[in-house]
Structure formats: structure tokens, C-alpha cells
Amino acid sequence: MARDMNVLFSPASVAVYGASVEPGSMGNRAVANLVKGGFAGEIIPINPKYAGQEICGRRCYAGAADYGRDIDHAVMMIRASAVVPLIEDAIRGRVRSIAIASVDAIRATKQPSPRADGSTASSSKRRSPINRAGDSRPSSSGSRSIVRRVTR
């Protein structure tokens, strides 16, 4: 079991679905953060629109299978409507774990949401993923392993 969790908490390779050459986009920031953060493993940008191009110094692939090797973990920075086809691509490409950050769900949380009293509040001012009306909003959590940095 511990070995299986390593692909999530200490992956040797990470694919970023929705990677982009557009500075400031979520897909570009995800790749840039892995590079700037010193991730020691392989970083594999995936986006058919930019296949063959470089994103943050890494070659971009159309899909996980095009990479040609197993991938420990994938982060999907994509529209909700693209999730199922890209999970299928990840399965064909032998990706072992996936985290999904649906771009439109994240954007949706930035819109004013109704409160029980009829007023609205911007999500940037909310401190909880549950607003006063009781409806849940998309939220995410993260994990980071420092083991590789400490032991090397």
C-alpha cells in the first residue's frame, strides 16, 4: 500500500493536462510552479493544441500515450466537459494517479454567490467552502512531500 501512495505523494513524473504557452494561464502556472519549485522528476505538459512545442522548457505532448512511458501522477487543469475524455487518455497512457482542478469550477467560485438573506458575496471574501446559504463550493487541498529534498 505504501508503494501505491508514493505515486501521489512522491511521484517520479507528473503530467499537466491543460498545459499552456499562455503566461498567467492556470495550465502555464501549473507547469511553471513545478519547474520553479524544484520538482526533481519528469514534468510532462499535455495539450494537443501545443504538442511538439515547449512549455517552460519542457516538450508538450498531445496525450499521455504520446509520452511513451508510465506517468506516476497527472494534474488536470481543464474544463469540466473535458474531464472524462482526458481521464480515458490518462488510462491509455498508463497514468497511475490523477488530481482534477476543473478550470470552470474554479472560475465559478469567483462569481458572487447568493446568501440566505438574498445578498451576494464574492468568494474571495469567503473563508469557508460552505456559504451561509448552505451550498458547497468547489475547493481543493494539496499535498507536498519533502522526503526527496531532505534525503538527497
N, C-alpha and C. Protein backbone atom coordinates (compact mmCIF):
# COMPACT_ATOMS: atom_id res chain seq x y z
N MET A 1 0.81 -1.20 0.00
CA MET A 1 0.00 0.00 0.00
C MET A 1 0.85 1.26 0.00
N ALA A 2 1.92 1.28 0.82
CA ALA A 2 2.77 2.48 0.88
C ALA A 2 3.36 2.79 -0.48
N ARG A 3 3.74 1.77 -1.21
CA ARG A 3 4.32 1.98 -2.55
C ARG A 3 3.29 2.63 -3.46
N ASP A 4 2.05 2.21 -3.39
CA ASP A 4 1.00 2.78 -4.22
C ASP A 4 0.79 4.26 -3.91
N MET A 5 0.92 4.66 -2.67
CA MET A 5 0.72 6.05 -2.28
C MET A 5 1.88 6.94 -2.72
N ASN A 6 3.05 6.35 -2.98
CA ASN A 6 4.19 7.13 -3.43
C ASN A 6 3.91 7.85 -4.74
N VAL A 7 3.11 7.26 -5.61
CA VAL A 7 2.81 7.92 -6.88
C VAL A 7 2.03 9.21 -6.67
N LEU A 8 1.32 9.30 -5.57
CA LEU A 8 0.56 10.50 -5.26
C LEU A 8 1.38 11.49 -4.44
N PHE A 9 2.07 11.01 -3.42
CA PHE A 9 2.77 11.91 -2.50
C PHE A 9 4.23 12.16 -2.86
N SER A 10 4.82 11.29 -3.67
CA SER A 10 6.22 11.46 -4.06
C SER A 10 6.42 10.91 -5.48
N PRO A 11 5.73 11.49 -6.46
CA PRO A 11 5.79 10.96 -7.82
C PRO A 11 7.15 11.20 -8.48
N ALA A 12 7.53 10.27 -9.35
CA ALA A 12 8.75 10.43 -10.13
C ALA A 12 8.47 11.21 -11.41
N SER A 13 7.20 11.27 -11.81
CA SER A 13 6.80 12.01 -13.00
C SER A 13 5.41 12.60 -12.80
N VAL A 14 5.22 13.82 -13.32
CA VAL A 14 3.93 14.50 -13.22
C VAL A 14 3.56 15.05 -14.59
N ALA A 15 2.38 14.69 -15.07
CA ALA A 15 1.85 15.25 -16.31
C ALA A 15 0.89 16.38 -15.94
N VAL A 16 0.91 17.43 -16.73
CA VAL A 16 -0.03 18.54 -16.52
C VAL A 16 -0.92 18.64 -17.75
N TYR A 17 -2.15 18.14 -17.62
CA TYR A 17 -3.13 18.27 -18.69
C TYR A 17 -3.64 19.71 -18.70
N GLY A 18 -3.77 20.27 -19.89
CA GLY A 18 -4.20 21.66 -19.99
C GLY A 18 -3.04 22.62 -19.94
N ALA A 19 -1.81 22.08 -20.04
CA ALA A 19 -0.62 22.93 -20.05
C ALA A 19 -0.75 23.93 -21.19
N SER A 20 -0.21 25.12 -20.99
CA SER A 20 -0.38 26.18 -21.97
C SER A 20 0.88 27.02 -22.11
N VAL A 21 1.06 27.57 -23.31
CA VAL A 21 2.16 28.50 -23.54
C VAL A 21 1.77 29.92 -23.12
N GLU A 22 0.50 30.13 -22.80
CA GLU A 22 -0.01 31.45 -22.42
C GLU A 22 0.42 31.80 -20.99
N PRO A 23 1.31 32.79 -20.83
CA PRO A 23 1.73 33.18 -19.48
C PRO A 23 0.53 33.61 -18.63
N GLY A 24 0.51 33.17 -17.39
CA GLY A 24 -0.56 33.54 -16.48
C GLY A 24 -1.75 32.60 -16.50
N SER A 25 -1.84 31.73 -17.52
CA SER A 25 -2.95 30.78 -17.55
C SER A 25 -2.71 29.72 -16.48
N MET A 26 -3.78 29.07 -16.04
CA MET A 26 -3.64 28.06 -14.99
C MET A 26 -2.72 26.92 -15.43
N GLY A 27 -2.84 26.50 -16.68
CA GLY A 27 -2.01 25.43 -17.19
C GLY A 27 -0.54 25.80 -17.27
N ASN A 28 -0.26 27.05 -17.60
CA ASN A 28 1.12 27.52 -17.64
C ASN A 28 1.68 27.65 -16.24
N ARG A 29 0.87 28.19 -15.33
CA ARG A 29 1.33 28.36 -13.94
C ARG A 29 1.60 27.01 -13.28
N ALA A 30 0.79 25.99 -13.60
CA ALA A 30 1.00 24.67 -13.00
C ALA A 30 2.36 24.10 -13.40
N VAL A 31 2.70 24.20 -14.69
CA VAL A 31 4.00 23.71 -15.15
C VAL A 31 5.11 24.56 -14.55
N ALA A 32 4.95 25.88 -14.60
CA ALA A 32 5.97 26.79 -14.07
C ALA A 32 6.22 26.56 -12.59
N ASN A 33 5.17 26.32 -11.83
CA ASN A 33 5.34 26.08 -10.39
C ASN A 33 6.11 24.80 -10.11
N LEU A 34 5.89 23.76 -10.90
CA LEU A 34 6.66 22.52 -10.72
C LEU A 34 8.13 22.77 -11.04
N VAL A 35 8.38 23.51 -12.12
CA VAL A 35 9.77 23.80 -12.52
C VAL A 35 10.44 24.68 -11.47
N LYS A 36 9.82 25.81 -11.14
CA LYS A 36 10.41 26.75 -10.18
C LYS A 36 10.51 26.16 -8.78
N GLY A 37 9.59 25.27 -8.45
CA GLY A 37 9.58 24.65 -7.12
C GLY A 37 10.65 23.58 -6.96
N GLY A 38 11.35 23.27 -8.05
CA GLY A 38 12.43 22.30 -7.96
C GLY A 38 12.00 20.85 -8.00
N PHE A 39 10.84 20.57 -8.60
CA PHE A 39 10.41 19.18 -8.70
C PHE A 39 11.50 18.39 -9.41
N ALA A 40 11.97 17.32 -8.80
CA ALA A 40 13.13 16.58 -9.29
C ALA A 40 12.78 15.57 -10.38
N GLY A 41 11.51 15.25 -10.54
CA GLY A 41 11.12 14.24 -11.53
C GLY A 41 10.81 14.83 -12.89
N GLU A 42 10.26 13.99 -13.75
CA GLU A 42 9.87 14.42 -15.09
C GLU A 42 8.59 15.25 -15.02
N ILE A 43 8.56 16.35 -15.75
CA ILE A 43 7.37 17.20 -15.87
C ILE A 43 6.92 17.09 -17.32
N ILE A 44 5.69 16.63 -17.51
CA ILE A 44 5.19 16.34 -18.85
C ILE A 44 3.97 17.20 -19.16
N PRO A 45 4.14 18.32 -19.87
CA PRO A 45 2.98 19.11 -20.28
C PRO A 45 2.16 18.33 -21.32
N ILE A 46 0.84 18.36 -21.18
CA ILE A 46 -0.04 17.67 -22.13
C ILE A 46 -1.13 18.62 -22.60
N ASN A 47 -1.16 18.82 -23.92
CA ASN A 47 -2.19 19.63 -24.56
C ASN A 47 -2.02 19.46 -26.07
N PRO A 48 -3.01 18.86 -26.74
CA PRO A 48 -2.86 18.63 -28.19
C PRO A 48 -2.65 19.93 -28.97
N LYS A 49 -3.16 21.02 -28.46
CA LYS A 49 -3.01 22.32 -29.13
C LYS A 49 -1.54 22.75 -29.22
N TYR A 50 -0.73 22.37 -28.25
CA TYR A 50 0.66 22.79 -28.20
C TYR A 50 1.65 21.62 -28.36
N ALA A 51 1.17 20.46 -28.83
CA ALA A 51 2.03 19.28 -28.97
C ALA A 51 3.25 19.62 -29.82
N GLY A 52 4.41 19.21 -29.33
CA GLY A 52 5.67 19.46 -30.02
C GLY A 52 6.33 20.78 -29.62
N GLN A 53 5.58 21.68 -29.02
CA GLN A 53 6.14 22.95 -28.56
C GLN A 53 6.71 22.79 -27.16
N GLU A 54 7.46 23.78 -26.71
CA GLU A 54 7.98 23.76 -25.35
C GLU A 54 7.15 24.65 -24.45
N ILE A 55 6.89 24.16 -23.26
CA ILE A 55 6.21 24.93 -22.22
C ILE A 55 7.14 24.91 -21.01
N CYS A 56 7.62 26.07 -20.63
CA CYS A 56 8.56 26.20 -19.52
C CYS A 56 9.77 25.27 -19.69
N GLY A 57 10.24 25.15 -20.93
CA GLY A 57 11.41 24.33 -21.21
C GLY A 57 11.15 22.85 -21.30
N ARG A 58 9.89 22.44 -21.28
CA ARG A 58 9.54 21.01 -21.36
C ARG A 58 8.73 20.77 -22.64
N ARG A 59 9.03 19.68 -23.34
CA ARG A 59 8.28 19.34 -24.55
C ARG A 59 6.85 18.98 -24.19
N CYS A 60 5.91 19.52 -24.96
CA CYS A 60 4.49 19.25 -24.74
C CYS A 60 4.04 18.10 -25.63
N TYR A 61 3.18 17.24 -25.07
CA TYR A 61 2.66 16.08 -25.78
C TYR A 61 1.16 16.23 -25.98
N ALA A 62 0.64 15.58 -27.04
CA ALA A 62 -0.80 15.62 -27.32
C ALA A 62 -1.59 14.83 -26.29
N GLY A 63 -1.02 13.75 -25.80
CA GLY A 63 -1.69 12.90 -24.82
C GLY A 63 -0.67 12.11 -24.03
N ALA A 64 -1.11 11.45 -22.99
CA ALA A 64 -0.19 10.70 -22.12
C ALA A 64 0.47 9.55 -22.87
N ALA A 65 -0.26 8.88 -23.76
CA ALA A 65 0.31 7.76 -24.51
C ALA A 65 1.44 8.23 -25.42
N ASP A 66 1.39 9.47 -25.88
CA ASP A 66 2.44 10.01 -26.75
C ASP A 66 3.76 10.16 -26.02
N TYR A 67 3.70 10.27 -24.70
CA TYR A 67 4.92 10.38 -23.90
C TYR A 67 5.72 9.08 -23.97
N GLY A 68 5.01 7.96 -24.03
CA GLY A 68 5.67 6.68 -24.23
C GLY A 68 6.17 5.95 -23.00
N ARG A 69 6.02 6.54 -21.83
CA ARG A 69 6.43 5.87 -20.58
C ARG A 69 5.32 6.04 -19.55
N ASP A 70 5.35 5.20 -18.53
CA ASP A 70 4.37 5.34 -17.44
C ASP A 70 4.54 6.70 -16.77
N ILE A 71 3.45 7.24 -16.27
CA ILE A 71 3.44 8.52 -15.57
C ILE A 71 2.83 8.28 -14.19
N ASP A 72 3.54 8.70 -13.15
CA ASP A 72 3.05 8.48 -11.79
C ASP A 72 1.80 9.28 -11.46
N HIS A 73 1.80 10.55 -11.83
CA HIS A 73 0.70 11.41 -11.39
C HIS A 73 0.37 12.43 -12.48
N ALA A 74 -0.90 12.76 -12.60
CA ALA A 74 -1.33 13.80 -13.54
C ALA A 74 -2.19 14.81 -12.81
N VAL A 75 -2.01 16.06 -13.18
CA VAL A 75 -2.84 17.15 -12.70
C VAL A 75 -3.62 17.64 -13.91
N MET A 76 -4.93 17.74 -13.79
CA MET A 76 -5.76 18.17 -14.91
C MET A 76 -6.30 19.57 -14.65
N MET A 77 -5.78 20.52 -15.39
CA MET A 77 -6.20 21.92 -15.31
C MET A 77 -7.07 22.17 -16.54
N ILE A 78 -8.30 21.67 -16.51
CA ILE A 78 -9.12 21.59 -17.72
C ILE A 78 -10.58 21.97 -17.44
N ARG A 79 -11.33 22.17 -18.53
CA ARG A 79 -12.77 22.41 -18.42
C ARG A 79 -13.46 21.14 -17.91
N ALA A 80 -14.53 21.32 -17.19
CA ALA A 80 -15.26 20.17 -16.65
C ALA A 80 -15.73 19.24 -17.77
N SER A 81 -16.12 19.80 -18.91
CA SER A 81 -16.60 18.97 -20.02
C SER A 81 -15.51 18.08 -20.62
N ALA A 82 -14.25 18.38 -20.36
CA ALA A 82 -13.15 17.60 -20.92
C ALA A 82 -12.63 16.53 -19.96
N VAL A 83 -13.15 16.49 -18.75
CA VAL A 83 -12.62 15.57 -17.74
C VAL A 83 -12.68 14.11 -18.17
N VAL A 84 -13.84 13.63 -18.58
CA VAL A 84 -13.99 12.20 -18.90
C VAL A 84 -13.09 11.78 -20.06
N PRO A 85 -13.07 12.49 -21.20
CA PRO A 85 -12.17 12.06 -22.27
C PRO A 85 -10.70 12.08 -21.87
N LEU A 86 -10.32 13.02 -21.03
CA LEU A 86 -8.91 13.09 -20.64
C LEU A 86 -8.56 12.05 -19.58
N ILE A 87 -9.51 11.65 -18.77
CA ILE A 87 -9.26 10.52 -17.87
C ILE A 87 -9.05 9.25 -18.71
N GLU A 88 -9.85 9.09 -19.77
CA GLU A 88 -9.66 7.95 -20.66
C GLU A 88 -8.28 8.00 -21.31
N ASP A 89 -7.83 9.19 -21.71
CA ASP A 89 -6.48 9.34 -22.26
C ASP A 89 -5.44 8.95 -21.22
N ALA A 90 -5.64 9.38 -19.99
CA ALA A 90 -4.69 9.06 -18.92
C ALA A 90 -4.61 7.56 -18.69
N ILE A 91 -5.74 6.88 -18.76
CA ILE A 91 -5.75 5.43 -18.60
C ILE A 91 -4.98 4.77 -19.73
N ARG A 92 -5.22 5.21 -20.98
CA ARG A 92 -4.48 4.66 -22.12
C ARG A 92 -2.99 4.93 -21.99
N GLY A 93 -2.64 6.08 -21.41
CA GLY A 93 -1.24 6.46 -21.25
C GLY A 93 -0.60 5.94 -19.98
N ARG A 94 -1.30 5.09 -19.24
CA ARG A 94 -0.78 4.45 -18.03
C ARG A 94 -0.39 5.45 -16.94
N VAL A 95 -1.27 6.43 -16.72
CA VAL A 95 -1.10 7.36 -15.60
C VAL A 95 -1.64 6.67 -14.36
N ARG A 96 -0.88 6.71 -13.27
CA ARG A 96 -1.22 5.93 -12.08
C ARG A 96 -2.08 6.67 -11.06
N SER A 97 -2.08 8.01 -11.06
CA SER A 97 -2.94 8.77 -10.15
C SER A 97 -3.27 10.11 -10.81
N ILE A 98 -4.41 10.67 -10.45
CA ILE A 98 -4.89 11.90 -11.09
C ILE A 98 -5.48 12.84 -10.05
N ALA A 99 -5.18 14.14 -10.20
CA ALA A 99 -5.85 15.19 -9.44
C ALA A 99 -6.50 16.11 -10.46
N ILE A 100 -7.76 16.45 -10.24
CA ILE A 100 -8.51 17.26 -11.20
C ILE A 100 -8.81 18.63 -10.60
N ALA A 101 -8.42 19.66 -11.32
CA ALA A 101 -8.77 21.04 -10.96
C ALA A 101 -9.53 21.60 -12.14
N SER A 102 -10.84 21.45 -12.13
CA SER A 102 -11.66 21.91 -13.23
C SER A 102 -11.62 23.43 -13.29
N VAL A 103 -11.12 23.95 -14.40
CA VAL A 103 -10.93 25.39 -14.55
C VAL A 103 -12.25 26.14 -14.42
N ASP A 104 -13.33 25.64 -15.03
CA ASP A 104 -14.59 26.37 -14.93
C ASP A 104 -15.18 26.29 -13.53
N ALA A 105 -14.92 25.23 -12.80
CA ALA A 105 -15.39 25.17 -11.41
C ALA A 105 -14.65 26.18 -10.56
N ILE A 106 -13.36 26.36 -10.82
CA ILE A 106 -12.58 27.35 -10.07
C ILE A 106 -13.05 28.75 -10.39
N ARG A 107 -13.29 29.01 -11.68
CA ARG A 107 -13.79 30.34 -12.07
C ARG A 107 -15.16 30.60 -11.47
N ALA A 108 -15.98 29.55 -11.40
CA ALA A 108 -17.34 29.71 -10.86
C ALA A 108 -17.31 30.19 -9.42
N THR A 109 -16.29 29.82 -8.67
CA THR A 109 -16.23 30.24 -7.27
C THR A 109 -15.90 31.72 -7.14
N LYS A 110 -15.45 32.34 -8.22
CA LYS A 110 -15.12 33.76 -8.17
C LYS A 110 -16.34 34.64 -8.45
N GLN A 111 -17.44 34.03 -8.82
CA GLN A 111 -18.67 34.77 -9.07
C GLN A 111 -19.40 35.00 -7.76
N PRO A 112 -20.15 36.09 -7.65
CA PRO A 112 -20.92 36.29 -6.43
C PRO A 112 -21.89 35.13 -6.20
N SER A 113 -22.04 34.73 -4.98
CA SER A 113 -22.96 33.65 -4.66
C SER A 113 -24.08 34.17 -3.76
N PRO A 114 -25.27 33.60 -3.91
CA PRO A 114 -26.39 34.07 -3.10
C PRO A 114 -26.25 33.64 -1.64
N ARG A 115 -26.66 34.52 -0.76
CA ARG A 115 -26.70 34.19 0.67
C ARG A 115 -28.14 33.99 1.10
N ALA A 116 -28.31 33.48 2.28
CA ALA A 116 -29.65 33.22 2.79
C ALA A 116 -30.48 34.51 2.87
N ASP A 117 -29.83 35.66 3.13
CA ASP A 117 -30.57 36.91 3.24
C ASP A 117 -30.80 37.58 1.88
N GLY A 118 -30.38 36.91 0.77
CA GLY A 118 -30.62 37.45 -0.57
C GLY A 118 -29.47 38.29 -1.10
N SER A 119 -28.52 38.66 -0.24
CA SER A 119 -27.37 39.42 -0.72
C SER A 119 -26.37 38.48 -1.37
N THR A 120 -25.34 39.03 -1.96
CA THR A 120 -24.31 38.20 -2.57
C THR A 120 -22.97 38.52 -1.95
N ALA A 121 -22.06 37.57 -2.05
CA ALA A 121 -20.70 37.77 -1.54
C ALA A 121 -19.72 37.16 -2.52
N SER A 122 -18.65 37.84 -2.77
CA SER A 122 -17.60 37.31 -3.63
C SER A 122 -16.87 36.20 -2.88
N SER A 123 -16.54 35.13 -3.61
CA SER A 123 -15.85 34.00 -2.95
C SER A 123 -14.49 34.41 -2.41
N SER A 124 -13.89 35.44 -2.99
CA SER A 124 -12.58 35.85 -2.49
C SER A 124 -12.67 36.38 -1.07
N LYS A 125 -13.86 36.78 -0.63
CA LYS A 125 -14.04 37.26 0.74
C LYS A 125 -14.51 36.17 1.69
N ARG A 126 -14.97 35.04 1.11
CA ARG A 126 -15.42 33.93 1.94
C ARG A 126 -14.23 33.16 2.48
N ARG A 127 -14.31 32.73 3.71
CA ARG A 127 -13.21 31.96 4.29
C ARG A 127 -13.53 30.46 4.31
N SER A 128 -14.72 30.08 3.97
CA SER A 128 -15.12 28.68 4.04
C SER A 128 -15.72 28.24 2.71
N PRO A 129 -15.55 26.96 2.33
CA PRO A 129 -16.17 26.48 1.11
C PRO A 129 -17.69 26.31 1.24
N ILE A 130 -18.23 26.50 2.43
CA ILE A 130 -19.68 26.45 2.64
C ILE A 130 -20.14 27.87 2.95
N ASN A 131 -21.05 28.39 2.11
CA ASN A 131 -21.50 29.75 2.39
C ASN A 131 -22.72 29.72 3.32
N ARG A 132 -23.23 30.87 3.68
CA ARG A 132 -24.33 30.93 4.66
C ARG A 132 -25.61 30.28 4.16
N ALA A 133 -25.77 30.20 2.83
CA ALA A 133 -26.97 29.55 2.29
C ALA A 133 -26.86 28.03 2.41
N GLY A 134 -25.67 27.53 2.76
CA GLY A 134 -25.50 26.11 2.98
C GLY A 134 -25.07 25.33 1.76
N ASP A 135 -24.89 26.01 0.61
CA ASP A 135 -24.44 25.23 -0.54
C ASP A 135 -22.92 25.18 -0.59
N SER A 136 -22.41 24.06 -1.06
CA SER A 136 -20.96 23.88 -1.09
C SER A 136 -20.39 24.44 -2.37
N ARG A 137 -19.19 24.89 -2.31
CA ARG A 137 -18.46 25.42 -3.45
C ARG A 137 -17.25 24.53 -3.69
N PRO A 138 -16.75 24.51 -4.94
CA PRO A 138 -15.55 23.70 -5.19
C PRO A 138 -14.40 24.15 -4.29
N SER A 139 -13.67 23.20 -3.81
CA SER A 139 -12.49 23.51 -3.01
C SER A 139 -11.44 22.46 -3.33
N SER A 140 -10.23 22.72 -2.97
CA SER A 140 -9.19 21.74 -3.21
C SER A 140 -8.22 21.72 -2.06
N SER A 141 -7.50 20.65 -1.98
CA SER A 141 -6.46 20.56 -0.98
C SER A 141 -5.19 20.12 -1.68
N GLY A 142 -4.09 20.30 -1.05
CA GLY A 142 -2.84 19.94 -1.68
C GLY A 142 -1.99 19.10 -0.75
N SER A 143 -1.00 18.50 -1.33
CA SER A 143 -0.05 17.74 -0.53
C SER A 143 1.33 17.98 -1.11
N ARG A 144 2.31 17.82 -0.29
CA ARG A 144 3.68 18.02 -0.75
C ARG A 144 4.59 17.10 0.06
N SER A 145 5.48 16.47 -0.63
CA SER A 145 6.43 15.61 0.04
C SER A 145 7.79 16.30 0.07
N ILE A 146 8.40 16.35 1.24
CA ILE A 146 9.73 16.93 1.35
C ILE A 146 10.79 15.85 1.44
N VAL A 147 10.37 14.60 1.41
CA VAL A 147 11.30 13.49 1.59
C VAL A 147 12.42 13.54 0.57
N ARG A 148 12.11 13.75 -0.71
CA ARG A 148 13.14 13.76 -1.75
C ARG A 148 14.17 14.85 -1.50
N ARG A 149 13.73 16.02 -1.08
CA ARG A 149 14.66 17.12 -0.84
C ARG A 149 15.53 16.85 0.39
N VAL A 150 14.95 16.25 1.39
CA VAL A 150 15.69 16.00 2.64
C VAL A 150 16.71 14.89 2.46
N THR A 151 16.34 13.85 1.70
CA THR A 151 17.21 12.68 1.60
C THR A 151 18.25 12.79 0.50
N ARG A 152 18.23 13.82 -0.30
CA ARG A 152 19.22 13.94 -1.39
C ARG A 152 20.32 14.90 -1.04
